[in-house]
Structure formats: structure tokens, C-alpha cells
């Protein structure tokens, strides 16, 4: 398992033993106060918007064009930290990754 540290919408840090080979979204969507993931990981809704800790940004693959377009419309878009967690596959190299679930868009 790969450990992720997720700051939920209530501001609590939750450690998650994530399964490698599937998206971060699939690993955290069942947590209380976490991502909604309405589209189920199809990069079509931005309800799995998270903010990646700055120390980890360079260790992730770059955003795709589709992911960038979805995020740019988000109210709380941070050009440096925003990601759709449905687009990041958990791998052993991500052990210890810290991320924050973005605020709801209202």
C-alpha cells in the first residue's frame, strides 16, 4: 500500500492506505468530507479537484489538456497546485503524498 495524507473539507488530516494502480480519486472518494467524483473519473466534472502539496508537484505527471480545461473553470483553481485526482494513478513513488480536497464550488 501507498500512504496518502489527505486534508479533507473539514481541515482534518486523514492517512489513507491507497491501492497502487488505481486513481487517487478511487482511493479517497469514500472518505467523509472528501471528493464527490460525480462523473466517476471521466475528467468531465472537476468534482474531484484537489490541491497538491507544493513539495510533490514536480513528482506528478503534467496535467493533460482536458484536465487543464476542466480546472481553469473552477472557482478555486490554483495554477500551481490544482489537479483532478481522477487523473493521477497511485504508484509506489507517491508514498507520503500530501493533498487537500478543494473547497466546493457553490
C-alpha atoms as a PDB file:
ATOM      1  CA  UNK A   1       0.000   0.000   0.000  1.00  0.00           C
ATOM      2  CA  UNK A   2       0.946   3.615  -0.572  1.00  0.00           C
ATOM      3  CA  UNK A   3       0.274   6.137   2.184  1.00  0.00           C
ATOM      4  CA  UNK A   4      -1.507   9.353   1.203  1.00  0.00           C
ATOM      5  CA  UNK A   5      -2.176  12.200   3.608  1.00  0.00           C
ATOM      6  CA  UNK A   6      -5.457  13.885   2.707  1.00  0.00           C
ATOM      7  CA  UNK A   7      -6.668  17.117   4.269  1.00  0.00           C
ATOM      8  CA  UNK A   8     -10.446  16.846   3.995  1.00  0.00           C
ATOM      9  CA  UNK A   9     -13.006  19.637   3.610  1.00  0.00           C
ATOM     10  CA  UNK A  10     -13.216  19.949   7.399  1.00  0.00           C
ATOM     11  CA  UNK A  11      -9.465  20.597   7.598  1.00  0.00           C
ATOM     12  CA  UNK A  12      -8.637  17.229   9.170  1.00  0.00           C
ATOM     13  CA  UNK A  13      -5.621  15.220   8.026  1.00  0.00           C
ATOM     14  CA  UNK A  14      -6.578  11.640   7.194  1.00  0.00           C
ATOM     15  CA  UNK A  15      -4.000   8.970   6.359  1.00  0.00           C
ATOM     16  CA  UNK A  16      -5.116   6.639   3.579  1.00  0.00           C
ATOM     17  CA  UNK A  17      -3.546   3.308   2.662  1.00  0.00           C
ATOM     18  CA  UNK A  18      -4.011   3.653  -1.088  1.00  0.00           C
ATOM     19  CA  UNK A  19      -4.046   0.837  -3.590  1.00  0.00           C
ATOM     20  CA  UNK A  20      -1.455   1.281  -6.340  1.00  0.00           C
ATOM     21  CA  UNK A  21      -2.618   1.084  -9.935  1.00  0.00           C
ATOM     22  CA  UNK A  22      -5.881   2.965  -9.441  1.00  0.00           C
ATOM     23  CA  UNK A  23      -6.560   6.685  -9.250  1.00  0.00           C
ATOM     24  CA  UNK A  24      -6.273   8.798  -6.136  1.00  0.00           C
ATOM     25  CA  UNK A  25      -9.983   9.532  -6.614  1.00  0.00           C
ATOM     26  CA  UNK A  26     -10.892   5.853  -6.279  1.00  0.00           C
ATOM     27  CA  UNK A  27      -8.796   5.630  -3.133  1.00  0.00           C
ATOM     28  CA  UNK A  28     -10.278   8.655  -1.341  1.00  0.00           C
ATOM     29  CA  UNK A  29     -13.852   9.092  -2.583  1.00  0.00           C
ATOM     30  CA  UNK A  30     -15.287   7.026   0.272  1.00  0.00           C
ATOM     31  CA  UNK A  31     -13.849   9.292   2.969  1.00  0.00           C
ATOM     32  CA  UNK A  32     -16.136  11.675   4.804  1.00  0.00           C
ATOM     33  CA  UNK A  33     -15.752  15.282   3.587  1.00  0.00           C
ATOM     34  CA  UNK A  34     -13.765  14.208   0.530  1.00  0.00           C
ATOM     35  CA  UNK A  35     -14.209  14.478  -3.245  1.00  0.00           C
ATOM     36  CA  UNK A  36     -17.615  13.934  -4.847  1.00  0.00           C
ATOM     37  CA  UNK A  37     -16.339  12.490  -8.120  1.00  0.00           C
ATOM     38  CA  UNK A  38     -19.733  12.820  -9.812  1.00  0.00           C
ATOM     39  CA  UNK A  39     -18.517  11.746 -13.270  1.00  0.00           C
ATOM     40  CA  UNK A  40     -16.759   8.666 -11.912  1.00  0.00           C
ATOM     41  CA  UNK A  41     -13.307   9.614 -13.110  1.00  0.00           C
ATOM     42  CA  UNK A  42     -14.008  10.609 -16.704  1.00  0.00           C
ATOM     43  CA  UNK A  43     -12.356  14.076 -16.418  1.00  0.00           C
ATOM     44  CA  UNK A  44     -15.740  15.657 -17.081  1.00  0.00           C
ATOM     45  CA  UNK A  45     -16.850  17.463 -13.919  1.00  0.00           C
ATOM     46  CA  UNK A  46     -13.975  18.716 -11.686  1.00  0.00           C
ATOM     47  CA  UNK A  47     -15.696  17.446  -8.516  1.00  0.00           C
ATOM     48  CA  UNK A  48     -12.502  15.584  -7.626  1.00  0.00           C
ATOM     49  CA  UNK A  49     -10.463  18.810  -7.521  1.00  0.00           C
ATOM     50  CA  UNK A  50      -7.565  18.618  -5.070  1.00  0.00           C
ATOM     51  CA  UNK A  51      -4.592  20.822  -4.244  1.00  0.00           C
ATOM     52  CA  UNK A  52      -1.262  19.018  -4.285  1.00  0.00           C
ATOM     53  CA  UNK A  53       1.313  19.927  -1.654  1.00  0.00           C
ATOM     54  CA  UNK A  54       3.998  22.060  -3.301  1.00  0.00           C
ATOM     55  CA  UNK A  55       6.748  19.561  -2.422  1.00  0.00           C
ATOM     56  CA  UNK A  56       5.009  16.948  -4.602  1.00  0.00           C
ATOM     57  CA  UNK A  57       4.040  18.940  -7.700  1.00  0.00           C
ATOM     58  CA  UNK A  58       7.165  18.096  -9.685  1.00  0.00           C
ATOM     59  CA  UNK A  59       6.805  14.368  -8.956  1.00  0.00           C
ATOM     60  CA  UNK A  60       3.472  14.074 -10.731  1.00  0.00           C
ATOM     61  CA  UNK A  61       2.887  13.767 -14.453  1.00  0.00           C
ATOM     62  CA  UNK A  62       1.793  17.037 -16.063  1.00  0.00           C
ATOM     63  CA  UNK A  63      -1.891  17.856 -16.480  1.00  0.00           C
ATOM     64  CA  UNK A  64      -3.428  16.844 -19.769  1.00  0.00           C
ATOM     65  CA  UNK A  65      -5.126  19.444 -21.936  1.00  0.00           C
ATOM     66  CA  UNK A  66      -8.548  18.109 -20.864  1.00  0.00           C
ATOM     67  CA  UNK A  67      -7.672  18.271 -17.175  1.00  0.00           C
ATOM     68  CA  UNK A  68      -6.345  21.809 -17.548  1.00  0.00           C
ATOM     69  CA  UNK A  69      -9.531  22.964 -19.300  1.00  0.00           C
ATOM     70  CA  UNK A  70     -11.748  21.451 -16.578  1.00  0.00           C
ATOM     71  CA  UNK A  71      -9.715  23.046 -13.804  1.00  0.00           C
ATOM     72  CA  UNK A  72      -9.449  26.514 -15.335  1.00  0.00           C
ATOM     73  CA  UNK A  73     -13.198  26.886 -14.920  1.00  0.00           C
ATOM     74  CA  UNK A  74     -13.036  26.002 -11.214  1.00  0.00           C
ATOM     75  CA  UNK A  75     -13.640  28.848  -8.777  1.00  0.00           C
ATOM     76  CA  UNK A  76     -10.736  27.777  -6.550  1.00  0.00           C
ATOM     77  CA  UNK A  77      -8.262  26.962  -9.348  1.00  0.00           C
ATOM     78  CA  UNK A  78      -4.629  27.276  -8.298  1.00  0.00           C
ATOM     79  CA  UNK A  79      -2.421  27.113 -11.405  1.00  0.00           C
ATOM     80  CA  UNK A  80       0.434  25.605  -9.409  1.00  0.00           C
ATOM     81  CA  UNK A  81      -1.378  23.090  -7.189  1.00  0.00           C
ATOM     82  CA  UNK A  82      -4.779  22.188  -8.693  1.00  0.00           C
ATOM     83  CA  UNK A  83      -5.280  18.674 -10.050  1.00  0.00           C
ATOM     84  CA  UNK A  84      -8.176  16.350 -10.750  1.00  0.00           C
ATOM     85  CA  UNK A  85      -7.384  13.332  -8.606  1.00  0.00           C
ATOM     86  CA  UNK A  86      -9.148  11.049 -11.086  1.00  0.00           C
ATOM     87  CA  UNK A  87      -6.228  11.711 -13.425  1.00  0.00           C
ATOM     88  CA  UNK A  88      -3.447  10.642 -11.039  1.00  0.00           C
ATOM     89  CA  UNK A  89      -2.736   6.931 -10.712  1.00  0.00           C
ATOM     90  CA  UNK A  90      -1.304   5.835  -7.375  1.00  0.00           C
ATOM     91  CA  UNK A  91       2.212   4.399  -7.633  1.00  0.00           C
ATOM     92  CA  UNK A  92       4.814   3.479  -5.012  1.00  0.00           C
ATOM     93  CA  UNK A  93       6.738   6.675  -5.845  1.00  0.00           C
ATOM     94  CA  UNK A  94       3.787   8.655  -4.424  1.00  0.00           C
ATOM     95  CA  UNK A  95       4.156   7.199  -0.917  1.00  0.00           C
ATOM     96  CA  UNK A  96       3.651  10.093   1.516  1.00  0.00           C
ATOM     97  CA  UNK A  97       1.874  12.375  -0.982  1.00  0.00           C
ATOM     98  CA  UNK A  98       0.005  15.205   0.749  1.00  0.00           C
ATOM     99  CA  UNK A  99      -3.066  16.767  -0.829  1.00  0.00           C
ATOM    100  CA  UNK A 100      -6.033  18.899   0.176  1.00  0.00           C
ATOM    101  CA  UNK A 101      -9.589  18.412  -1.071  1.00  0.00           C
ATOM    102  CA  UNK A 102     -10.605  21.672  -2.745  1.00  0.00           C
ATOM    103  CA  UNK A 103     -13.432  23.769  -1.410  1.00  0.00           C
ATOM    104  CA  UNK A 104     -16.843  23.144  -3.001  1.00  0.00           C
ATOM    105  CA  UNK A 105     -17.647  25.374  -5.924  1.00  0.00           C
ATOM    106  CA  UNK A 106     -21.079  26.513  -4.591  1.00  0.00           C
END
